[in-house]
Amino acid sequence: MTEEVKAEHTLVEHQHGGPDCEHVTIQHGDHVDYIHDGHRHAEHEGHYDEHDDPAEHTPAEHQHGGPDCTHEAVQHGDHVDYVHDGHRHAEHEGHYDEH
């Protein structure tokens, strides 16, 4: 099983969106990503997940989980990530996000 990729700090160490947070925010569908030290991450089930730019391919080009998909599926909370070319991503609002 592939290890979950988490940001290098925790909610206890830094609360994004709090009064002392000066990080740039990006609305990302139903949540907000925060830019921090050259990367983006978002809160997820008590930790921050890395949320880089959308993956290089789209669900229209390759449907993960379909009958022809041979990528490893990894349960990630309420959704499934797929291991693809050394990274993990999940479908989100018509595109794949890096996780």
PDB file of N, CA and C in Angstrom:
ATOM      1  N   MET A   1       0.836  -1.184   0.000  1.00  0.00           N
ATOM      2  CA  MET A   1       0.000   0.000   0.000  1.00  0.00           C
ATOM      3  C   MET A   1       0.879   1.246   0.000  1.00  0.00           C
ATOM      4  N   THR A   2       0.498   2.251  -0.733  1.00  0.00           N
ATOM      5  CA  THR A   2       1.244   3.488  -0.849  1.00  0.00           C
ATOM      6  C   THR A   2       0.985   4.371   0.368  1.00  0.00           C
ATOM      7  N   GLU A   3       2.030   5.015   0.870  1.00  0.00           N
ATOM      8  CA  GLU A   3       1.904   5.887   2.035  1.00  0.00           C
ATOM      9  C   GLU A   3       1.212   7.179   1.649  1.00  0.00           C
ATOM     10  N   GLU A   4       0.342   7.674   2.530  1.00  0.00           N
ATOM     11  CA  GLU A   4      -0.374   8.910   2.293  1.00  0.00           C
ATOM     12  C   GLU A   4       0.599  10.083   2.352  1.00  0.00           C
ATOM     13  N   VAL A   5       0.465  11.016   1.417  1.00  0.00           N
ATOM     14  CA  VAL A   5       1.339  12.181   1.372  1.00  0.00           C
ATOM     15  C   VAL A   5       0.685  13.309   2.154  1.00  0.00           C
ATOM     16  N   LYS A   6       1.363  13.750   3.213  1.00  0.00           N
ATOM     17  CA  LYS A   6       0.860  14.828   4.046  1.00  0.00           C
ATOM     18  C   LYS A   6       1.854  15.981   4.034  1.00  0.00           C
ATOM     19  N   ALA A   7       1.339  17.178   4.263  1.00  0.00           N
ATOM     20  CA  ALA A   7       2.198  18.354   4.347  1.00  0.00           C
ATOM     21  C   ALA A   7       3.127  18.218   5.542  1.00  0.00           C
ATOM     22  N   GLU A   8       4.199  19.006   5.562  1.00  0.00           N
ATOM     23  CA  GLU A   8       5.220  18.857   6.593  1.00  0.00           C
ATOM     24  C   GLU A   8       4.848  19.486   7.921  1.00  0.00           C
ATOM     25  N   HIS A   9       3.742  20.184   8.010  1.00  0.00           N
ATOM     26  CA  HIS A   9       3.313  20.699   9.310  1.00  0.00           C
ATOM     27  C   HIS A   9       1.884  20.247   9.592  1.00  0.00           C
ATOM     28  N   THR A  10       1.479  20.353  10.836  1.00  0.00           N
ATOM     29  CA  THR A  10       0.179  19.872  11.272  1.00  0.00           C
ATOM     30  C   THR A  10      -0.736  21.037  11.610  1.00  0.00           C
ATOM     31  N   LEU A  11      -2.004  20.720  11.836  1.00  0.00           N
ATOM     32  CA  LEU A  11      -2.965  21.737  12.249  1.00  0.00           C
ATOM     33  C   LEU A  11      -2.582  22.367  13.585  1.00  0.00           C
ATOM     34  N   VAL A  12      -1.961  21.597  14.457  1.00  0.00           N
ATOM     35  CA  VAL A  12      -1.538  22.120  15.758  1.00  0.00           C
ATOM     36  C   VAL A  12      -0.426  23.145  15.579  1.00  0.00           C
ATOM     37  N   GLU A  13       0.499  22.880  14.652  1.00  0.00           N
ATOM     38  CA  GLU A  13       1.635  23.784  14.429  1.00  0.00           C
ATOM     39  C   GLU A  13       1.230  25.076  13.719  1.00  0.00           C
ATOM     40  N   HIS A  14       0.258  24.991  12.810  1.00  0.00           N
ATOM     41  CA  HIS A  14      -0.173  26.187  12.085  1.00  0.00           C
ATOM     42  C   HIS A  14      -1.595  25.989  11.591  1.00  0.00           C
ATOM     43  N   GLN A  15      -2.495  26.876  11.982  1.00  0.00           N
ATOM     44  CA  GLN A  15      -3.890  26.802  11.555  1.00  0.00           C
ATOM     45  C   GLN A  15      -4.093  27.770  10.393  1.00  0.00           C
ATOM     46  N   HIS A  16      -4.189  27.231   9.175  1.00  0.00           N
ATOM     47  CA  HIS A  16      -4.451  28.092   8.024  1.00  0.00           C
ATOM     48  C   HIS A  16      -5.820  28.744   8.161  1.00  0.00           C
ATOM     49  N   GLY A  17      -5.886  29.990   7.705  1.00  0.00           N
ATOM     50  CA  GLY A  17      -7.139  30.731   7.765  1.00  0.00           C
ATOM     51  C   GLY A  17      -7.366  31.433   9.091  1.00  0.00           C
ATOM     52  N   GLY A  18      -6.497  31.187  10.058  1.00  0.00           N
ATOM     53  CA  GLY A  18      -6.619  31.834  11.360  1.00  0.00           C
ATOM     54  C   GLY A  18      -6.152  33.279  11.296  1.00  0.00           C
ATOM     55  N   PRO A  19      -6.279  33.995  12.390  1.00  0.00           N
ATOM     56  CA  PRO A  19      -5.930  35.422  12.399  1.00  0.00           C
ATOM     57  C   PRO A  19      -4.453  35.698  12.123  1.00  0.00           C
ATOM     58  N   ASP A  20      -3.561  34.737  12.393  1.00  0.00           N
ATOM     59  CA  ASP A  20      -2.136  34.946  12.167  1.00  0.00           C
ATOM     60  C   ASP A  20      -1.647  34.381  10.837  1.00  0.00           C
ATOM     61  N   CYS A  21      -2.548  33.837  10.026  1.00  0.00           N
ATOM     62  CA  CYS A  21      -2.159  33.217   8.755  1.00  0.00           C
ATOM     63  C   CYS A  21      -2.069  34.271   7.656  1.00  0.00           C
ATOM     64  N   GLU A  22      -0.908  34.342   7.023  1.00  0.00           N
ATOM     65  CA  GLU A  22      -0.691  35.300   5.938  1.00  0.00           C
ATOM     66  C   GLU A  22      -0.498  34.596   4.598  1.00  0.00           C
ATOM     67  N   HIS A  23      -0.789  33.290   4.518  1.00  0.00           N
ATOM     68  CA  HIS A  23      -0.583  32.541   3.282  1.00  0.00           C
ATOM     69  C   HIS A  23      -1.659  32.859   2.250  1.00  0.00           C
ATOM     70  N   VAL A  24      -1.264  32.853   0.995  1.00  0.00           N
ATOM     71  CA  VAL A  24      -2.185  33.095  -0.114  1.00  0.00           C
ATOM     72  C   VAL A  24      -3.165  31.932  -0.190  1.00  0.00           C
ATOM     73  N   THR A  25      -4.436  32.257  -0.452  1.00  0.00           N
ATOM     74  CA  THR A  25      -5.464  31.232  -0.568  1.00  0.00           C
ATOM     75  C   THR A  25      -5.933  31.097  -2.010  1.00  0.00           C
ATOM     76  N   ILE A  26      -6.335  29.874  -2.370  1.00  0.00           N
ATOM     77  CA  ILE A  26      -6.895  29.596  -3.689  1.00  0.00           C
ATOM     78  C   ILE A  26      -8.145  28.760  -3.486  1.00  0.00           C
ATOM     79  N   GLN A  27      -9.297  29.258  -3.955  1.00  0.00           N
ATOM     80  CA  GLN A  27     -10.519  28.464  -3.871  1.00  0.00           C
ATOM     81  C   GLN A  27     -10.367  27.259  -4.789  1.00  0.00           C
ATOM     82  N   HIS A  28     -10.624  26.070  -4.278  1.00  0.00           N
ATOM     83  CA  HIS A  28     -10.427  24.835  -5.023  1.00  0.00           C
ATOM     84  C   HIS A  28     -11.690  23.995  -4.871  1.00  0.00           C
ATOM     85  N   GLY A  29     -12.696  24.300  -5.667  1.00  0.00           N
ATOM     86  CA  GLY A  29     -13.970  23.598  -5.564  1.00  0.00           C
ATOM     87  C   GLY A  29     -14.640  23.914  -4.255  1.00  0.00           C
ATOM     88  N   ASP A  30     -14.838  22.902  -3.410  1.00  0.00           N
ATOM     89  CA  ASP A  30     -15.565  23.074  -2.157  1.00  0.00           C
ATOM     90  C   ASP A  30     -14.666  23.375  -0.961  1.00  0.00           C
ATOM     91  N   HIS A  31     -13.372  23.629  -1.215  1.00  0.00           N
ATOM     92  CA  HIS A  31     -12.454  23.923  -0.116  1.00  0.00           C
ATOM     93  C   HIS A  31     -11.427  24.957  -0.565  1.00  0.00           C
ATOM     94  N   VAL A  32     -10.565  25.350   0.344  1.00  0.00           N
ATOM     95  CA  VAL A  32      -9.528  26.343   0.060  1.00  0.00           C
ATOM     96  C   VAL A  32      -8.160  25.686   0.178  1.00  0.00           C
ATOM     97  N   ASP A  33      -7.292  25.894  -0.821  1.00  0.00           N
ATOM     98  CA  ASP A  33      -5.894  25.495  -0.741  1.00  0.00           C
ATOM     99  C   ASP A  33      -5.097  26.698  -0.258  1.00  0.00           C
ATOM    100  N   TYR A  34      -3.997  26.416   0.451  1.00  0.00           N
ATOM    101  CA  TYR A  34      -3.110  27.459   0.953  1.00  0.00           C
ATOM    102  C   TYR A  34      -1.745  27.274   0.331  1.00  0.00           C
ATOM    103  N   ILE A  35      -1.157  28.371  -0.167  1.00  0.00           N
ATOM    104  CA  ILE A  35       0.189  28.322  -0.732  1.00  0.00           C
ATOM    105  C   ILE A  35       1.170  28.526   0.400  1.00  0.00           C
ATOM    106  N   HIS A  36       2.131  27.592   0.501  1.00  0.00           N
ATOM    107  CA  HIS A  36       3.051  27.591   1.632  1.00  0.00           C
ATOM    108  C   HIS A  36       4.387  27.039   1.155  1.00  0.00           C
ATOM    109  N   ASP A  37       5.433  27.837   1.193  1.00  0.00           N
ATOM    110  CA  ASP A  37       6.780  27.401   0.805  1.00  0.00           C
ATOM    111  C   ASP A  37       6.812  26.750  -0.580  1.00  0.00           C
ATOM    112  N   GLY A  38       6.106  27.349  -1.549  1.00  0.00           N
ATOM    113  CA  GLY A  38       6.162  26.876  -2.929  1.00  0.00           C
ATOM    114  C   GLY A  38       5.258  25.710  -3.256  1.00  0.00           C
ATOM    115  N   HIS A  39       4.346  25.341  -2.370  1.00  0.00           N
ATOM    116  CA  HIS A  39       3.410  24.260  -2.663  1.00  0.00           C
ATOM    117  C   HIS A  39       2.036  24.631  -2.125  1.00  0.00           C
ATOM    118  N   ARG A  40       1.033  23.826  -2.499  1.00  0.00           N
ATOM    119  CA  ARG A  40      -0.332  24.057  -2.048  1.00  0.00           C
ATOM    120  C   ARG A  40      -0.793  22.875  -1.208  1.00  0.00           C
ATOM    121  N   HIS A  41      -1.531  23.158  -0.166  1.00  0.00           N
ATOM    122  CA  HIS A  41      -2.144  22.077   0.587  1.00  0.00           C
ATOM    123  C   HIS A  41      -3.471  22.524   1.174  1.00  0.00           C
ATOM    124  N   ALA A  42      -4.266  21.519   1.565  1.00  0.00           N
ATOM    125  CA  ALA A  42      -5.596  21.768   2.105  1.00  0.00           C
ATOM    126  C   ALA A  42      -5.832  20.854   3.292  1.00  0.00           C
ATOM    127  N   GLU A  43      -6.674  21.320   4.215  1.00  0.00           N
ATOM    128  CA  GLU A  43      -7.006  20.512   5.383  1.00  0.00           C
ATOM    129  C   GLU A  43      -7.854  19.316   4.962  1.00  0.00           C
ATOM    130  N   HIS A  44      -7.550  18.152   5.560  1.00  0.00           N
ATOM    131  CA  HIS A  44      -8.283  16.924   5.260  1.00  0.00           C
ATOM    132  C   HIS A  44      -8.200  15.984   6.442  1.00  0.00           C
ATOM    133  N   GLU A  45      -9.324  15.738   7.105  1.00  0.00           N
ATOM    134  CA  GLU A  45      -9.408  14.785   8.203  1.00  0.00           C
ATOM    135  C   GLU A  45      -8.306  14.955   9.261  1.00  0.00           C
ATOM    136  N   GLY A  46      -8.102  16.198   9.707  1.00  0.00           N
ATOM    137  CA  GLY A  46      -7.179  16.459  10.798  1.00  0.00           C
ATOM    138  C   GLY A  46      -5.727  16.644  10.404  1.00  0.00           C
ATOM    139  N   HIS A  47      -5.439  16.700   9.110  1.00  0.00           N
ATOM    140  CA  HIS A  47      -4.078  16.971   8.641  1.00  0.00           C
ATOM    141  C   HIS A  47      -4.170  17.755   7.339  1.00  0.00           C
ATOM    142  N   TYR A  48      -3.018  18.204   6.834  1.00  0.00           N
ATOM    143  CA  TYR A  48      -2.968  18.887   5.556  1.00  0.00           C
ATOM    144  C   TYR A  48      -2.457  17.929   4.492  1.00  0.00           C
ATOM    145  N   ASP A  49      -3.164  17.842   3.372  1.00  0.00           N
ATOM    146  CA  ASP A  49      -2.721  17.073   2.215  1.00  0.00           C
ATOM    147  C   ASP A  49      -2.096  18.007   1.208  1.00  0.00           C
ATOM    148  N   GLU A  50      -1.040  17.537   0.542  1.00  0.00           N
ATOM    149  CA  GLU A  50      -0.478  18.294  -0.560  1.00  0.00           C
ATOM    150  C   GLU A  50      -1.508  18.346  -1.680  1.00  0.00           C
ATOM    151  N   HIS A  51      -1.712  19.509  -2.234  1.00  0.00           N
ATOM    152  CA  HIS A  51      -2.648  19.718  -3.339  1.00  0.00           C
ATOM    153  C   HIS A  51      -1.933  20.532  -4.392  1.00  0.00           C
ATOM    154  N   ASP A  52      -1.176  19.857  -5.229  1.00  0.00           N
ATOM    155  CA  ASP A  52      -0.483  20.563  -6.294  1.00  0.00           C
ATOM    156  C   ASP A  52      -1.459  20.866  -7.412  1.00  0.00           C
ATOM    157  N   ASP A  53      -0.959  21.427  -8.479  1.00  0.00           N
ATOM    158  CA  ASP A  53      -1.803  21.744  -9.612  1.00  0.00           C
ATOM    159  C   ASP A  53      -2.476  20.482 -10.137  1.00  0.00           C
ATOM    160  N   PRO A  54      -3.586  20.631 -10.877  1.00  0.00           N
ATOM    161  CA  PRO A  54      -4.244  19.450 -11.425  1.00  0.00           C
ATOM    162  C   PRO A  54      -3.283  18.571 -12.213  1.00  0.00           C
ATOM    163  N   ALA A  55      -3.570  17.273 -12.209  1.00  0.00           N
ATOM    164  CA  ALA A  55      -2.729  16.294 -12.899  1.00  0.00           C
ATOM    165  C   ALA A  55      -2.672  16.592 -14.386  1.00  0.00           C
ATOM    166  N   GLU A  56      -1.699  15.963 -15.058  1.00  0.00           N
ATOM    167  CA  GLU A  56      -1.439  16.246 -16.471  1.00  0.00           C
ATOM    168  C   GLU A  56      -2.457  15.627 -17.413  1.00  0.00           C
ATOM    169  N   HIS A  57      -3.337  14.799 -16.916  1.00  0.00           N
ATOM    170  CA  HIS A  57      -4.379  14.262 -17.780  1.00  0.00           C
ATOM    171  C   HIS A  57      -5.735  14.454 -17.111  1.00  0.00           C
ATOM    172  N   THR A  58      -6.787  14.272 -17.877  1.00  0.00           N
ATOM    173  CA  THR A  58      -8.140  14.531 -17.401  1.00  0.00           C
ATOM    174  C   THR A  58      -8.943  13.239 -17.362  1.00  0.00           C
ATOM    175  N   PRO A  59     -10.079  13.236 -16.652  1.00  0.00           N
ATOM    176  CA  PRO A  59     -10.938  12.055 -16.666  1.00  0.00           C
ATOM    177  C   PRO A  59     -11.392  11.674 -18.071  1.00  0.00           C
ATOM    178  N   ALA A  60     -11.503  12.649 -18.968  1.00  0.00           N
ATOM    179  CA  ALA A  60     -11.904  12.338 -20.355  1.00  0.00           C
ATOM    180  C   ALA A  60     -10.816  11.538 -21.076  1.00  0.00           C
ATOM    181  N   GLU A  61      -9.538  11.762 -20.722  1.00  0.00           N
ATOM    182  CA  GLU A  61      -8.423  11.055 -21.358  1.00  0.00           C
ATOM    183  C   GLU A  61      -8.182   9.681 -20.748  1.00  0.00           C
ATOM    184  N   HIS A  62      -8.421   9.542 -19.439  1.00  0.00           N
ATOM    185  CA  HIS A  62      -8.235   8.259 -18.758  1.00  0.00           C
ATOM    186  C   HIS A  62      -9.153   8.211 -17.556  1.00  0.00           C
ATOM    187  N   GLN A  63     -10.058   7.261 -17.545  1.00  0.00           N
ATOM    188  CA  GLN A  63     -11.000   7.126 -16.435  1.00  0.00           C
ATOM    189  C   GLN A  63     -10.459   6.127 -15.426  1.00  0.00           C
ATOM    190  N   HIS A  64      -9.939   6.635 -14.300  1.00  0.00           N
ATOM    191  CA  HIS A  64      -9.450   5.750 -13.247  1.00  0.00           C
ATOM    192  C   HIS A  64     -10.602   4.931 -12.685  1.00  0.00           C
ATOM    193  N   GLY A  65     -10.292   3.687 -12.376  1.00  0.00           N
ATOM    194  CA  GLY A  65     -11.295   2.790 -11.818  1.00  0.00           C
ATOM    195  C   GLY A  65     -12.142   2.093 -12.861  1.00  0.00           C
ATOM    196  N   GLY A  66     -11.963   2.466 -14.131  1.00  0.00           N
ATOM    197  CA  GLY A  66     -12.699   1.832 -15.213  1.00  0.00           C
ATOM    198  C   GLY A  66     -12.147   0.453 -15.529  1.00  0.00           C
ATOM    199  N   PRO A  67     -12.769  -0.257 -16.446  1.00  0.00           N
ATOM    200  CA  PRO A  67     -12.358  -1.633 -16.752  1.00  0.00           C
ATOM    201  C   PRO A  67     -10.942  -1.754 -17.318  1.00  0.00           C
ATOM    202  N   ASP A  68     -10.411  -0.710 -17.941  1.00  0.00           N
ATOM    203  CA  ASP A  68      -9.069  -0.764 -18.528  1.00  0.00           C
ATOM    204  C   ASP A  68      -8.001  -0.148 -17.622  1.00  0.00           C
ATOM    205  N   CYS A  69      -8.374   0.318 -16.435  1.00  0.00           N
ATOM    206  CA  CYS A  69      -7.427   0.972 -15.535  1.00  0.00           C
ATOM    207  C   CYS A  69      -6.645  -0.072 -14.746  1.00  0.00           C
ATOM    208  N   THR A  70      -5.322   0.031 -14.806  1.00  0.00           N
ATOM    209  CA  THR A  70      -4.457  -0.887 -14.066  1.00  0.00           C
ATOM    210  C   THR A  70      -3.721  -0.175 -12.926  1.00  0.00           C
ATOM    211  N   HIS A  71      -4.062   1.081 -12.641  1.00  0.00           N
ATOM    212  CA  HIS A  71      -3.403   1.840 -11.584  1.00  0.00           C
ATOM    213  C   HIS A  71      -3.882   1.385 -10.209  1.00  0.00           C
ATOM    214  N   GLU A  72      -2.959   1.395  -9.234  1.00  0.00           N
ATOM    215  CA  GLU A  72      -3.293   1.004  -7.868  1.00  0.00           C
ATOM    216  C   GLU A  72      -4.257   2.011  -7.254  1.00  0.00           C
ATOM    217  N   ALA A  73      -5.318   1.517  -6.629  1.00  0.00           N
ATOM    218  CA  ALA A  73      -6.289   2.364  -5.943  1.00  0.00           C
ATOM    219  C   ALA A  73      -5.961   2.386  -4.454  1.00  0.00           C
ATOM    220  N   VAL A  74      -5.987   3.584  -3.855  1.00  0.00           N
ATOM    221  CA  VAL A  74      -5.682   3.755  -2.434  1.00  0.00           C
ATOM    222  C   VAL A  74      -6.827   4.538  -1.801  1.00  0.00           C
ATOM    223  N   GLN A  75      -7.512   3.927  -0.835  1.00  0.00           N
ATOM    224  CA  GLN A  75      -8.597   4.627  -0.140  1.00  0.00           C
ATOM    225  C   GLN A  75      -8.011   5.815   0.619  1.00  0.00           C
ATOM    226  N   HIS A  76      -8.644   6.997   0.486  1.00  0.00           N
ATOM    227  CA  HIS A  76      -8.161   8.224   1.120  1.00  0.00           C
ATOM    228  C   HIS A  76      -9.369   8.959   1.694  1.00  0.00           C
ATOM    229  N   GLY A  77      -9.762   8.576   2.898  1.00  0.00           N
ATOM    230  CA  GLY A  77     -10.945   9.187   3.508  1.00  0.00           C
ATOM    231  C   GLY A  77     -12.194   8.794   2.750  1.00  0.00           C
ATOM    232  N   ASP A  78     -12.907   9.784   2.203  1.00  0.00           N
ATOM    233  CA  ASP A  78     -14.168   9.524   1.517  1.00  0.00           C
ATOM    234  C   ASP A  78     -14.019   9.319   0.008  1.00  0.00           C
ATOM    235  N   HIS A  79     -12.791   9.212  -0.482  1.00  0.00           N
ATOM    236  CA  HIS A  79     -12.576   9.018  -1.915  1.00  0.00           C
ATOM    237  C   HIS A  79     -11.393   8.074  -2.142  1.00  0.00           C
ATOM    238  N   VAL A  80     -11.121   7.788  -3.391  1.00  0.00           N
ATOM    239  CA  VAL A  80     -10.021   6.896  -3.762  1.00  0.00           C
ATOM    240  C   VAL A  80      -8.990   7.684  -4.553  1.00  0.00           C
ATOM    241  N   ASP A  81      -7.709   7.557  -4.166  1.00  0.00           N
ATOM    242  CA  ASP A  81      -6.604   8.097  -4.953  1.00  0.00           C
ATOM    243  C   ASP A  81      -6.096   6.981  -5.851  1.00  0.00           C
ATOM    244  N   TYR A  82      -5.503   7.359  -6.991  1.00  0.00           N
ATOM    245  CA  TYR A  82      -4.904   6.390  -7.905  1.00  0.00           C
ATOM    246  C   TYR A  82      -3.429   6.705  -8.076  1.00  0.00           C
ATOM    247  N   VAL A  83      -2.590   5.674  -7.977  1.00  0.00           N
ATOM    248  CA  VAL A  83      -1.154   5.829  -8.141  1.00  0.00           C
ATOM    249  C   VAL A  83      -0.868   5.806  -9.641  1.00  0.00           C
ATOM    250  N   HIS A  84      -0.186   6.847 -10.123  1.00  0.00           N
ATOM    251  CA  HIS A  84       0.040   7.013 -11.559  1.00  0.00           C
ATOM    252  C   HIS A  84       1.395   7.666 -11.779  1.00  0.00           C
ATOM    253  N   ASP A  85       2.312   6.976 -12.406  1.00  0.00           N
ATOM    254  CA  ASP A  85       3.639   7.523 -12.725  1.00  0.00           C
ATOM    255  C   ASP A  85       4.337   8.121 -11.502  1.00  0.00           C
ATOM    256  N   GLY A  86       4.245   7.440 -10.358  1.00  0.00           N
ATOM    257  CA  GLY A  86       4.958   7.880  -9.167  1.00  0.00           C
ATOM    258  C   GLY A  86       4.257   8.920  -8.335  1.00  0.00           C
ATOM    259  N   HIS A  87       3.028   9.278  -8.676  1.00  0.00           N
ATOM    260  CA  HIS A  87       2.279  10.225  -7.840  1.00  0.00           C
ATOM    261  C   HIS A  87       0.862   9.708  -7.655  1.00  0.00           C
ATOM    262  N   ARG A  88       0.130  10.371  -6.760  1.00  0.00           N
ATOM    263  CA  ARG A  88      -1.257   9.985  -6.496  1.00  0.00           C
ATOM    264  C   ARG A  88      -2.170  11.136  -6.836  1.00  0.00           C
ATOM    265  N   HIS A  89      -3.308  10.795  -7.421  1.00  0.00           N
ATOM    266  CA  HIS A  89      -4.310  11.829  -7.652  1.00  0.00           C
ATOM    267  C   HIS A  89      -5.709  11.259  -7.548  1.00  0.00           C
ATOM    268  N   ALA A  90      -6.682  12.163  -7.421  1.00  0.00           N
ATOM    269  CA  ALA A  90      -8.085  11.802  -7.270  1.00  0.00           C
ATOM    270  C   ALA A  90      -8.925  12.735  -8.129  1.00  0.00           C
ATOM    271  N   GLU A  91     -10.056  12.212  -8.600  1.00  0.00           N
ATOM    272  CA  GLU A  91     -10.955  13.038  -9.414  1.00  0.00           C
ATOM    273  C   GLU A  91     -11.619  14.086  -8.539  1.00  0.00           C
ATOM    274  N   HIS A  92     -11.724  15.307  -9.077  1.00  0.00           N
ATOM    275  CA  HIS A  92     -12.322  16.420  -8.343  1.00  0.00           C
ATOM    276  C   HIS A  92     -12.890  17.405  -9.351  1.00  0.00           C
ATOM    277  N   GLU A  93     -14.214  17.494  -9.403  1.00  0.00           N
ATOM    278  CA  GLU A  93     -14.911  18.475 -10.244  1.00  0.00           C
ATOM    279  C   GLU A  93     -14.403  18.470 -11.686  1.00  0.00           C
ATOM    280  N   GLY A  94     -14.311  17.300 -12.296  1.00  0.00           N
ATOM    281  CA  GLY A  94     -13.985  17.204 -13.717  1.00  0.00           C
ATOM    282  C   GLY A  94     -12.502  17.188 -14.044  1.00  0.00           C
ATOM    283  N   HIS A  95     -11.639  17.143 -13.031  1.00  0.00           N
ATOM    284  CA  HIS A  95     -10.194  17.023 -13.275  1.00  0.00           C
ATOM    285  C   HIS A  95      -9.588  16.167 -12.165  1.00  0.00           C
ATOM    286  N   TYR A  96      -8.322  15.819 -12.302  1.00  0.00           N
ATOM    287  CA  TYR A  96      -7.623  15.075 -11.269  1.00  0.00           C
ATOM    288  C   TYR A  96      -6.721  16.023 -10.498  1.00  0.00           C
ATOM    289  N   ASP A  97      -6.820  15.975  -9.164  1.00  0.00           N
ATOM    290  CA  ASP A  97      -5.918  16.740  -8.297  1.00  0.00           C
ATOM    291  C   ASP A  97      -4.791  15.846  -7.844  1.00  0.00           C
ATOM    292  N   GLU A  98      -3.581  16.407  -7.774  1.00  0.00           N
ATOM    293  CA  GLU A  98      -2.467  15.686  -7.186  1.00  0.00           C
ATOM    294  C   GLU A  98      -2.696  15.600  -5.693  1.00  0.00           C
ATOM    295  N   HIS A  99      -2.452  14.436  -5.124  1.00  0.00           N
ATOM    296  CA  HIS A  99      -2.602  14.248  -3.672  1.00  0.00           C
ATOM    297  C   HIS A  99      -1.287  13.764  -3.130  1.00  0.00           C
TER     298      HIS A  99
END
